[in-house]
């Protein structure tokens, strides 16, 4: 598999030699580089793409993911925010922002980001699961259960939502329902 990734990297590099301003090609190259665990090169490609097109939301989001993987959460939040500034309806950037805010311990901001992610893409169970998880951490168990139940309705095979809802039900005193959901989680 690495051999094919290396070939794809070479192809994108050749493409960019012909036209260095192709931001989307640079983003794709950066994604390939991250898959090869070549984070510094990926970061450089993304910075170059952003230099050519500061409004390239996807480049900011992928840069945020590079920072997140390196536990540089403050920088990740900044990159996700720039992606959102460029495209306020970018659900994945909102979701990633929520995840990074959790890592920074800013649960209120994480909840806000996941709410916005769910608004921009109401069909994405991951966003409702993220919001449910944050609400659980904030000890708002009723609201957490509502979000997690919604995530499972959207995607009945969403394992993490079963786990999170099972734990939420246990905290709410719904022992039998919680245990059933945790068993379903193990099955998934």
N, C-alpha and C. Protein backbone atom coordinates (compact mmCIF):
# COMPACT_ATOMS: atom_id res chain seq x y z
N UNK A 1 0.83 -1.20 0.00
CA UNK A 1 0.00 0.00 0.00
C UNK A 1 0.87 1.26 0.00
N UNK A 2 1.95 1.25 0.79
CA UNK A 2 2.82 2.43 0.83
C UNK A 2 3.40 2.74 -0.54
N UNK A 3 3.68 1.69 -1.32
CA UNK A 3 4.24 1.90 -2.65
C UNK A 3 3.29 2.70 -3.53
N UNK A 4 1.99 2.38 -3.45
CA UNK A 4 1.00 3.12 -4.24
C UNK A 4 0.88 4.56 -3.74
N UNK A 5 0.96 4.75 -2.43
CA UNK A 5 0.91 6.11 -1.89
C UNK A 5 2.11 6.93 -2.36
N UNK A 6 3.27 6.29 -2.37
CA UNK A 6 4.49 6.98 -2.82
C UNK A 6 4.36 7.36 -4.29
N UNK A 7 3.78 6.47 -5.10
CA UNK A 7 3.56 6.79 -6.51
C UNK A 7 2.58 7.95 -6.66
N UNK A 8 1.54 7.95 -5.85
CA UNK A 8 0.57 9.04 -5.91
C UNK A 8 1.20 10.36 -5.49
N UNK A 9 2.05 10.33 -4.46
CA UNK A 9 2.77 11.55 -4.05
C UNK A 9 3.59 12.09 -5.20
N UNK A 10 4.32 11.21 -5.88
CA UNK A 10 5.15 11.64 -7.01
C UNK A 10 4.29 12.25 -8.11
N UNK A 11 3.13 11.67 -8.38
CA UNK A 11 2.24 12.20 -9.42
C UNK A 11 1.74 13.60 -9.05
N UNK A 12 1.33 13.78 -7.80
CA UNK A 12 0.88 15.12 -7.37
C UNK A 12 2.03 16.12 -7.42
N UNK A 13 3.23 15.69 -7.04
CA UNK A 13 4.37 16.60 -7.09
C UNK A 13 4.66 17.03 -8.52
N UNK A 14 4.55 16.10 -9.47
CA UNK A 14 4.75 16.45 -10.88
C UNK A 14 3.68 17.44 -11.35
N UNK A 15 2.46 17.19 -10.94
CA UNK A 15 1.35 18.09 -11.29
C UNK A 15 1.63 19.49 -10.76
N UNK A 16 2.10 19.57 -9.52
CA UNK A 16 2.34 20.87 -8.90
C UNK A 16 3.57 21.57 -9.47
N UNK A 17 4.48 20.81 -10.05
CA UNK A 17 5.60 21.45 -10.76
C UNK A 17 5.08 22.20 -11.98
N UNK A 18 4.06 21.66 -12.62
CA UNK A 18 3.47 22.31 -13.79
C UNK A 18 2.61 23.50 -13.41
N UNK A 19 1.90 23.40 -12.29
CA UNK A 19 1.06 24.50 -11.84
C UNK A 19 1.07 24.55 -10.31
N UNK A 20 1.99 25.31 -9.74
CA UNK A 20 2.16 25.35 -8.28
C UNK A 20 1.00 25.97 -7.52
N UNK A 21 0.05 26.61 -8.21
CA UNK A 21 -1.05 27.29 -7.51
C UNK A 21 -2.28 26.43 -7.33
N UNK A 22 -2.24 25.15 -7.72
CA UNK A 22 -3.40 24.27 -7.57
C UNK A 22 -3.59 23.86 -6.11
N UNK A 23 -4.39 24.64 -5.42
CA UNK A 23 -4.59 24.41 -3.99
C UNK A 23 -5.17 23.04 -3.67
N UNK A 24 -6.18 22.62 -4.44
CA UNK A 24 -6.80 21.32 -4.17
C UNK A 24 -5.79 20.18 -4.33
N UNK A 25 -4.91 20.30 -5.32
CA UNK A 25 -3.88 19.27 -5.52
C UNK A 25 -2.92 19.25 -4.33
N UNK A 26 -2.58 20.43 -3.82
CA UNK A 26 -1.70 20.49 -2.65
C UNK A 26 -2.37 19.85 -1.42
N UNK A 27 -3.66 20.07 -1.26
CA UNK A 27 -4.38 19.46 -0.14
C UNK A 27 -4.36 17.94 -0.28
N UNK A 28 -4.63 17.44 -1.47
CA UNK A 28 -4.60 15.99 -1.70
C UNK A 28 -3.20 15.43 -1.44
N UNK A 29 -2.18 16.14 -1.89
CA UNK A 29 -0.80 15.73 -1.63
C UNK A 29 -0.54 15.69 -0.12
N UNK A 30 -1.00 16.69 0.59
CA UNK A 30 -0.80 16.73 2.04
C UNK A 30 -1.48 15.55 2.72
N UNK A 31 -2.66 15.21 2.27
CA UNK A 31 -3.37 14.05 2.85
C UNK A 31 -2.55 12.78 2.64
N UNK A 32 -2.03 12.61 1.44
CA UNK A 32 -1.18 11.44 1.17
C UNK A 32 0.06 11.44 2.06
N UNK A 33 0.66 12.59 2.22
CA UNK A 33 1.86 12.68 3.06
C UNK A 33 1.55 12.32 4.51
N UNK A 34 0.38 12.72 5.01
CA UNK A 34 0.03 12.35 6.38
C UNK A 34 -0.16 10.84 6.50
N UNK A 35 -0.70 10.23 5.45
CA UNK A 35 -0.87 8.77 5.49
C UNK A 35 0.47 8.06 5.49
N UNK A 36 1.49 8.72 4.97
CA UNK A 36 2.85 8.17 5.00
C UNK A 36 3.62 8.63 6.23
N UNK A 37 2.94 9.29 7.15
CA UNK A 37 3.52 9.80 8.39
C UNK A 37 4.63 10.81 8.11
N UNK A 38 4.40 11.64 7.14
CA UNK A 38 5.34 12.70 6.78
C UNK A 38 4.68 14.05 7.08
N UNK A 39 4.39 14.25 8.38
CA UNK A 39 3.64 15.41 8.83
C UNK A 39 4.29 16.76 8.48
N UNK A 40 5.60 16.92 8.68
CA UNK A 40 6.19 18.23 8.36
C UNK A 40 6.02 18.61 6.89
N UNK A 41 6.18 17.64 6.00
CA UNK A 41 5.98 17.93 4.58
C UNK A 41 4.52 18.27 4.29
N UNK A 42 3.61 17.54 4.93
CA UNK A 42 2.19 17.81 4.74
C UNK A 42 1.86 19.23 5.20
N UNK A 43 2.38 19.59 6.35
CA UNK A 43 2.13 20.93 6.88
C UNK A 43 2.65 22.00 5.92
N UNK A 44 3.82 21.77 5.36
CA UNK A 44 4.39 22.73 4.40
C UNK A 44 3.52 22.85 3.16
N UNK A 45 3.03 21.74 2.64
CA UNK A 45 2.16 21.78 1.47
C UNK A 45 0.88 22.55 1.77
N UNK A 46 0.32 22.34 2.94
CA UNK A 46 -0.91 23.03 3.31
C UNK A 46 -0.66 24.53 3.48
N UNK A 47 0.45 24.88 4.10
CA UNK A 47 0.78 26.31 4.24
C UNK A 47 0.95 26.96 2.86
N UNK A 48 1.57 26.23 1.94
CA UNK A 48 1.73 26.77 0.58
C UNK A 48 0.38 26.94 -0.09
N UNK A 49 -0.50 25.96 0.06
CA UNK A 49 -1.84 26.06 -0.53
C UNK A 49 -2.58 27.27 0.03
N UNK A 50 -2.46 27.48 1.34
CA UNK A 50 -3.13 28.60 1.99
C UNK A 50 -2.53 29.93 1.55
N UNK A 51 -1.22 29.95 1.32
CA UNK A 51 -0.58 31.16 0.82
C UNK A 51 -1.16 31.54 -0.54
N UNK A 52 -1.37 30.54 -1.41
CA UNK A 52 -1.93 30.80 -2.74
C UNK A 52 -3.42 31.14 -2.67
N UNK A 53 -4.13 30.54 -1.72
CA UNK A 53 -5.57 30.77 -1.60
C UNK A 53 -5.97 30.74 -0.13
N UNK A 54 -5.91 31.91 0.55
CA UNK A 54 -6.21 31.96 1.98
C UNK A 54 -7.64 31.52 2.34
N UNK A 55 -8.54 31.50 1.37
CA UNK A 55 -9.93 31.11 1.63
C UNK A 55 -10.18 29.62 1.38
N UNK A 56 -9.13 28.85 1.15
CA UNK A 56 -9.29 27.42 0.86
C UNK A 56 -9.59 26.68 2.17
N UNK A 57 -10.87 26.57 2.46
CA UNK A 57 -11.32 26.03 3.75
C UNK A 57 -10.79 24.62 4.00
N UNK A 58 -10.79 23.79 2.99
CA UNK A 58 -10.33 22.41 3.18
C UNK A 58 -8.86 22.36 3.59
N UNK A 59 -8.04 23.24 3.07
CA UNK A 59 -6.63 23.28 3.46
C UNK A 59 -6.49 23.63 4.94
N UNK A 60 -7.28 24.58 5.40
CA UNK A 60 -7.24 24.94 6.83
C UNK A 60 -7.68 23.76 7.69
N UNK A 61 -8.75 23.07 7.24
CA UNK A 61 -9.24 21.93 8.04
C UNK A 61 -8.19 20.83 8.12
N UNK A 62 -7.58 20.48 7.01
CA UNK A 62 -6.57 19.41 7.02
C UNK A 62 -5.36 19.85 7.83
N UNK A 63 -4.99 21.12 7.76
CA UNK A 63 -3.91 21.63 8.60
C UNK A 63 -4.28 21.46 10.07
N UNK A 64 -5.53 21.75 10.41
CA UNK A 64 -5.99 21.53 11.77
C UNK A 64 -5.85 20.07 12.19
N UNK A 65 -6.15 19.16 11.29
CA UNK A 65 -6.03 17.73 11.60
C UNK A 65 -4.57 17.33 11.81
N UNK A 66 -3.67 17.93 11.03
CA UNK A 66 -2.24 17.67 11.23
C UNK A 66 -1.84 18.14 12.64
N UNK A 67 -2.24 19.34 13.00
CA UNK A 67 -1.93 19.87 14.33
C UNK A 67 -2.56 18.99 15.42
N UNK A 68 -3.80 18.56 15.20
CA UNK A 68 -4.49 17.74 16.19
C UNK A 68 -3.74 16.43 16.43
N UNK A 69 -3.33 15.78 15.35
CA UNK A 69 -2.59 14.51 15.48
C UNK A 69 -1.30 14.67 16.26
N UNK A 70 -0.75 15.87 16.22
CA UNK A 70 0.50 16.15 16.93
C UNK A 70 0.23 16.74 18.32
N UNK A 71 -1.03 16.70 18.76
CA UNK A 71 -1.45 17.22 20.07
C UNK A 71 -1.18 18.72 20.20
N UNK A 72 -1.23 19.42 19.09
CA UNK A 72 -1.10 20.88 19.08
C UNK A 72 -2.51 21.47 18.97
N UNK A 73 -3.26 21.33 20.05
CA UNK A 73 -4.69 21.61 20.02
C UNK A 73 -5.02 23.08 19.82
N UNK A 74 -4.23 23.97 20.39
CA UNK A 74 -4.48 25.40 20.18
C UNK A 74 -4.35 25.76 18.70
N UNK A 75 -3.31 25.24 18.06
CA UNK A 75 -3.12 25.50 16.63
C UNK A 75 -4.21 24.83 15.80
N UNK A 76 -4.64 23.66 16.24
CA UNK A 76 -5.73 22.97 15.53
C UNK A 76 -7.00 23.81 15.58
N UNK A 77 -7.31 24.33 16.76
CA UNK A 77 -8.51 25.17 16.90
C UNK A 77 -8.43 26.38 15.98
N UNK A 78 -7.27 27.01 15.93
CA UNK A 78 -7.10 28.17 15.05
C UNK A 78 -7.32 27.79 13.59
N UNK A 79 -6.77 26.67 13.17
CA UNK A 79 -6.92 26.24 11.77
C UNK A 79 -8.38 25.90 11.47
N UNK A 80 -9.04 25.19 12.37
CA UNK A 80 -10.45 24.87 12.15
C UNK A 80 -11.29 26.14 12.08
N UNK A 81 -10.97 27.11 12.94
CA UNK A 81 -11.72 28.36 12.93
C UNK A 81 -11.53 29.09 11.61
N UNK A 82 -10.31 29.06 11.06
CA UNK A 82 -10.08 29.70 9.75
C UNK A 82 -10.86 28.97 8.66
N UNK A 83 -10.96 27.65 8.75
CA UNK A 83 -11.77 26.89 7.79
C UNK A 83 -13.22 27.33 7.87
N UNK A 84 -13.71 27.47 9.09
CA UNK A 84 -15.10 27.87 9.30
C UNK A 84 -15.32 29.32 8.85
N UNK A 85 -14.35 30.17 9.09
CA UNK A 85 -14.46 31.56 8.63
C UNK A 85 -14.58 31.60 7.10
N UNK A 86 -13.87 30.69 6.42
CA UNK A 86 -13.94 30.64 4.96
C UNK A 86 -15.23 29.99 4.47
N UNK A 87 -15.75 29.04 5.25
CA UNK A 87 -16.97 28.34 4.86
C UNK A 87 -17.76 28.00 6.12
N UNK A 88 -18.67 28.89 6.53
CA UNK A 88 -19.42 28.68 7.77
C UNK A 88 -20.29 27.41 7.77
N UNK A 89 -20.55 26.84 6.61
CA UNK A 89 -21.37 25.63 6.53
C UNK A 89 -20.53 24.36 6.43
N UNK A 90 -19.27 24.43 6.80
CA UNK A 90 -18.34 23.30 6.70
C UNK A 90 -18.51 22.43 7.96
N UNK A 91 -19.45 21.50 7.89
CA UNK A 91 -19.78 20.67 9.04
C UNK A 91 -18.61 19.91 9.62
N UNK A 92 -17.78 19.34 8.76
CA UNK A 92 -16.63 18.57 9.25
C UNK A 92 -15.67 19.46 10.04
N UNK A 93 -15.48 20.69 9.61
CA UNK A 93 -14.60 21.61 10.36
C UNK A 93 -15.21 21.92 11.72
N UNK A 94 -16.54 22.11 11.77
CA UNK A 94 -17.19 22.34 13.05
C UNK A 94 -17.02 21.13 13.97
N UNK A 95 -17.19 19.93 13.40
CA UNK A 95 -17.02 18.71 14.20
C UNK A 95 -15.60 18.56 14.72
N UNK A 96 -14.64 18.83 13.84
CA UNK A 96 -13.23 18.76 14.26
C UNK A 96 -12.93 19.80 15.34
N UNK A 97 -13.53 20.98 15.21
CA UNK A 97 -13.35 22.02 16.23
C UNK A 97 -13.89 21.52 17.57
N UNK A 98 -15.04 20.87 17.55
CA UNK A 98 -15.58 20.32 18.79
C UNK A 98 -14.64 19.33 19.44
N UNK A 99 -14.07 18.46 18.62
CA UNK A 99 -13.13 17.45 19.14
C UNK A 99 -11.90 18.11 19.74
N UNK A 100 -11.37 19.12 19.06
CA UNK A 100 -10.18 19.81 19.58
C UNK A 100 -10.50 20.57 20.87
N UNK A 101 -11.69 21.16 20.94
CA UNK A 101 -12.06 21.87 22.16
C UNK A 101 -12.20 20.91 23.34
N UNK A 102 -12.65 19.69 23.09
CA UNK A 102 -12.68 18.69 24.15
C UNK A 102 -11.27 18.47 24.67
N UNK A 103 -10.32 18.31 23.78
CA UNK A 103 -8.93 18.08 24.18
C UNK A 103 -8.36 19.25 24.96
N UNK A 104 -8.84 20.45 24.65
CA UNK A 104 -8.38 21.63 25.39
C UNK A 104 -9.13 21.80 26.71
N UNK A 105 -10.12 20.95 26.94
CA UNK A 105 -10.90 21.04 28.17
C UNK A 105 -11.97 22.10 28.14
N UNK A 106 -12.27 22.62 26.97
CA UNK A 106 -13.26 23.68 26.83
C UNK A 106 -14.58 23.05 26.36
N UNK A 107 -15.30 22.45 27.31
CA UNK A 107 -16.49 21.67 26.97
C UNK A 107 -17.63 22.54 26.45
N UNK A 108 -17.78 23.74 26.96
CA UNK A 108 -18.85 24.62 26.46
C UNK A 108 -18.62 24.96 25.00
N UNK A 109 -17.39 25.28 24.65
CA UNK A 109 -17.06 25.58 23.25
C UNK A 109 -17.23 24.33 22.39
N UNK A 110 -16.88 23.18 22.93
CA UNK A 110 -17.06 21.92 22.18
C UNK A 110 -18.53 21.69 21.90
N UNK A 111 -19.38 21.91 22.90
CA UNK A 111 -20.82 21.72 22.70
C UNK A 111 -21.34 22.67 21.63
N UNK A 112 -20.90 23.92 21.68
CA UNK A 112 -21.32 24.89 20.66
C UNK A 112 -20.89 24.45 19.27
N UNK A 113 -19.66 23.96 19.15
CA UNK A 113 -19.15 23.52 17.85
C UNK A 113 -19.95 22.33 17.33
N UNK A 114 -20.22 21.36 18.19
CA UNK A 114 -21.00 20.20 17.76
C UNK A 114 -22.44 20.58 17.41
N UNK A 115 -23.01 21.52 18.12
CA UNK A 115 -24.36 22.00 17.76
C UNK A 115 -24.34 22.60 16.36
N UNK A 116 -23.33 23.41 16.10
CA UNK A 116 -23.22 24.03 14.78
C UNK A 116 -22.96 22.97 13.71
N UNK A 117 -22.14 21.98 14.02
CA UNK A 117 -21.88 20.89 13.06
C UNK A 117 -23.18 20.17 12.73
N UNK A 118 -23.98 19.89 13.76
CA UNK A 118 -25.26 19.21 13.55
C UNK A 118 -26.23 20.06 12.74
N UNK A 119 -26.16 21.37 12.92
CA UNK A 119 -27.01 22.27 12.15
C UNK A 119 -26.61 22.26 10.68
N UNK A 120 -25.31 22.26 10.42
CA UNK A 120 -24.84 22.31 9.03
C UNK A 120 -25.00 20.96 8.33
N UNK A 121 -24.94 19.87 9.09
CA UNK A 121 -25.10 18.54 8.51
C UNK A 121 -25.92 17.67 9.47
N UNK A 122 -27.25 17.83 9.43
CA UNK A 122 -28.09 17.12 10.40
C UNK A 122 -28.13 15.61 10.21
N UNK A 123 -27.58 15.09 9.14
CA UNK A 123 -27.61 13.64 8.90
C UNK A 123 -26.36 12.93 9.45
N UNK A 124 -25.41 13.68 9.98
CA UNK A 124 -24.15 13.09 10.43
C UNK A 124 -24.26 12.66 11.90
N UNK A 125 -24.33 11.35 12.11
CA UNK A 125 -24.46 10.81 13.47
C UNK A 125 -23.25 11.12 14.34
N UNK A 126 -22.09 11.29 13.74
CA UNK A 126 -20.88 11.60 14.52
C UNK A 126 -21.03 12.91 15.28
N UNK A 127 -21.69 13.88 14.66
CA UNK A 127 -21.84 15.18 15.31
C UNK A 127 -22.78 15.09 16.51
N UNK A 128 -23.86 14.36 16.35
CA UNK A 128 -24.79 14.19 17.48
C UNK A 128 -24.12 13.37 18.58
N UNK A 129 -23.34 12.38 18.19
CA UNK A 129 -22.61 11.60 19.19
C UNK A 129 -21.63 12.49 19.94
N UNK A 130 -20.90 13.33 19.22
CA UNK A 130 -19.96 14.25 19.87
C UNK A 130 -20.65 15.17 20.84
N UNK A 131 -21.78 15.73 20.42
CA UNK A 131 -22.54 16.61 21.30
C UNK A 131 -23.05 15.84 22.51
N UNK A 132 -23.55 14.64 22.28
CA UNK A 132 -24.01 13.81 23.40
C UNK A 132 -22.91 13.51 24.39
N UNK A 133 -21.73 13.21 23.88
CA UNK A 133 -20.59 12.94 24.75
C UNK A 133 -20.25 14.16 25.60
N UNK A 134 -20.22 15.34 24.97
CA UNK A 134 -19.89 16.56 25.70
C UNK A 134 -20.96 16.85 26.76
N UNK A 135 -22.22 16.68 26.40
CA UNK A 135 -23.29 16.91 27.37
C UNK A 135 -23.19 15.93 28.53
N UNK A 136 -22.79 14.69 28.24
CA UNK A 136 -22.55 13.71 29.31
C UNK A 136 -21.45 14.22 30.24
N UNK A 137 -20.36 14.70 29.66
CA UNK A 137 -19.25 15.23 30.47
C UNK A 137 -19.70 16.44 31.31
N UNK A 138 -20.65 17.20 30.78
CA UNK A 138 -21.18 18.36 31.50
C UNK A 138 -22.28 17.95 32.49
N UNK A 139 -22.54 16.65 32.57
CA UNK A 139 -23.53 16.06 33.48
C UNK A 139 -24.98 16.48 33.16
N UNK A 140 -25.21 16.81 31.90
CA UNK A 140 -26.57 17.09 31.43
C UNK A 140 -27.07 15.81 30.76
N UNK A 141 -27.41 14.83 31.60
CA UNK A 141 -27.68 13.48 31.11
C UNK A 141 -28.94 13.39 30.24
N UNK A 142 -29.97 14.15 30.56
CA UNK A 142 -31.18 14.10 29.73
C UNK A 142 -30.89 14.60 28.31
N UNK A 143 -30.20 15.73 28.22
CA UNK A 143 -29.86 16.28 26.90
C UNK A 143 -28.89 15.34 26.17
N UNK A 144 -27.95 14.76 26.91
CA UNK A 144 -27.01 13.81 26.30
C UNK A 144 -27.77 12.63 25.72
N UNK A 145 -28.70 12.10 26.49
CA UNK A 145 -29.49 10.94 26.01
C UNK A 145 -30.25 11.29 24.74
N UNK A 146 -30.83 12.48 24.70
CA UNK A 146 -31.58 12.90 23.51
C UNK A 146 -30.68 12.89 22.27
N UNK A 147 -29.49 13.47 22.40
CA UNK A 147 -28.57 13.52 21.26
C UNK A 147 -28.10 12.12 20.86
N UNK A 148 -27.75 11.32 21.83
CA UNK A 148 -27.22 9.99 21.54
C UNK A 148 -28.30 9.07 20.97
N UNK A 149 -29.52 9.19 21.46
CA UNK A 149 -30.62 8.44 20.87
C UNK A 149 -30.82 8.85 19.41
N UNK A 150 -30.70 10.14 19.14
CA UNK A 150 -30.81 10.63 17.76
C UNK A 150 -29.70 10.10 16.88
N UNK A 151 -28.50 10.04 17.42
CA UNK A 151 -27.37 9.50 16.64
C UNK A 151 -27.62 8.04 16.27
N UNK A 152 -28.15 7.28 17.21
CA UNK A 152 -28.43 5.86 16.95
C UNK A 152 -29.58 5.71 15.95
N UNK A 153 -30.57 6.59 16.03
CA UNK A 153 -31.64 6.54 15.01
C UNK A 153 -31.07 6.82 13.63
N UNK A 154 -30.13 7.76 13.55
CA UNK A 154 -29.52 8.09 12.26
C UNK A 154 -28.65 6.96 11.75
N UNK A 155 -27.94 6.31 12.67
CA UNK A 155 -27.03 5.23 12.28
C UNK A 155 -27.08 4.15 13.35
N UNK A 156 -27.94 3.14 13.17
CA UNK A 156 -28.09 2.10 14.19
C UNK A 156 -26.82 1.29 14.46
N UNK A 157 -25.82 1.41 13.59
CA UNK A 157 -24.57 0.68 13.78
C UNK A 157 -23.45 1.57 14.34
N UNK A 158 -23.80 2.74 14.82
CA UNK A 158 -22.80 3.68 15.35
C UNK A 158 -22.39 3.20 16.75
N UNK A 159 -21.31 2.45 16.80
CA UNK A 159 -20.88 1.78 18.03
C UNK A 159 -20.64 2.76 19.18
N UNK A 160 -19.92 3.83 18.90
CA UNK A 160 -19.58 4.78 19.97
C UNK A 160 -20.83 5.38 20.61
N UNK A 161 -21.87 5.61 19.80
CA UNK A 161 -23.12 6.15 20.34
C UNK A 161 -23.78 5.15 21.29
N UNK A 162 -23.71 3.87 20.97
CA UNK A 162 -24.24 2.86 21.88
C UNK A 162 -23.47 2.88 23.20
N UNK A 163 -22.17 2.98 23.11
CA UNK A 163 -21.33 3.04 24.32
C UNK A 163 -21.68 4.27 25.16
N UNK A 164 -21.72 5.43 24.49
CA UNK A 164 -21.99 6.68 25.21
C UNK A 164 -23.40 6.70 25.80
N UNK A 165 -24.38 6.22 25.04
CA UNK A 165 -25.74 6.20 25.55
C UNK A 165 -25.89 5.19 26.68
N UNK A 166 -25.21 4.05 26.56
CA UNK A 166 -25.23 3.06 27.65
C UNK A 166 -24.72 3.67 28.94
N UNK A 167 -23.61 4.37 28.87
CA UNK A 167 -23.06 5.01 30.06
C UNK A 167 -23.95 6.14 30.57
N UNK A 168 -24.58 6.86 29.65
CA UNK A 168 -25.51 7.92 30.05
C UNK A 168 -26.69 7.32 30.81
N UNK A 169 -27.26 6.25 30.26
CA UNK A 169 -28.39 5.61 30.94
C UNK A 169 -27.99 5.10 32.32
N UNK A 170 -26.79 4.55 32.43
CA UNK A 170 -26.35 4.09 33.75
C UNK A 170 -26.31 5.24 34.74
N UNK A 171 -25.82 6.39 34.31
CA UNK A 171 -25.77 7.56 35.19
C UNK A 171 -27.17 8.06 35.54
N UNK A 172 -28.12 7.81 34.65
CA UNK A 172 -29.49 8.24 34.88
C UNK A 172 -30.27 7.23 35.72
N UNK A 173 -29.61 6.11 36.08
CA UNK A 173 -30.29 5.09 36.88
C UNK A 173 -31.05 4.07 36.04
N UNK A 174 -30.89 4.11 34.74
CA UNK A 174 -31.56 3.17 33.84
C UNK A 174 -30.61 1.99 33.59
N UNK A 175 -30.42 1.22 34.60
CA UNK A 175 -29.39 0.16 34.59
C UNK A 175 -29.61 -0.87 33.47
N UNK A 176 -30.82 -1.39 33.37
CA UNK A 176 -31.07 -2.45 32.38
C UNK A 176 -30.84 -1.94 30.94
N UNK A 177 -31.41 -0.75 30.63
CA UNK A 177 -31.23 -0.19 29.29
C UNK A 177 -29.76 0.11 29.01
N UNK A 178 -29.06 0.63 30.02
CA UNK A 178 -27.64 0.93 29.87
C UNK A 178 -26.83 -0.32 29.58
N UNK A 179 -27.10 -1.38 30.33
CA UNK A 179 -26.37 -2.64 30.11
C UNK A 179 -26.65 -3.21 28.72
N UNK A 180 -27.89 -3.10 28.27
CA UNK A 180 -28.24 -3.60 26.94
C UNK A 180 -27.47 -2.83 25.85
N UNK A 181 -27.39 -1.54 26.00
CA UNK A 181 -26.65 -0.73 25.02
C UNK A 181 -25.16 -1.04 25.04
N UNK A 182 -24.61 -1.25 26.23
CA UNK A 182 -23.19 -1.59 26.31
C UNK A 182 -22.93 -2.97 25.70
N UNK A 183 -23.87 -3.89 25.85
CA UNK A 183 -23.74 -5.21 25.22
C UNK A 183 -23.80 -5.05 23.69
N UNK A 184 -24.72 -4.21 23.22
CA UNK A 184 -24.80 -3.97 21.78
C UNK A 184 -23.51 -3.35 21.26
N UNK A 185 -22.94 -2.44 22.03
CA UNK A 185 -21.64 -1.83 21.68
C UNK A 185 -20.59 -2.92 21.47
N UNK A 186 -20.53 -3.88 22.39
CA UNK A 186 -19.53 -4.96 22.28
C UNK A 186 -19.75 -5.79 21.02
N UNK A 187 -21.02 -5.95 20.62
CA UNK A 187 -21.35 -6.71 19.42
C UNK A 187 -20.92 -5.99 18.14
N UNK A 188 -21.00 -4.67 18.21
CA UNK A 188 -20.66 -3.89 17.02
C UNK A 188 -19.16 -3.85 16.85
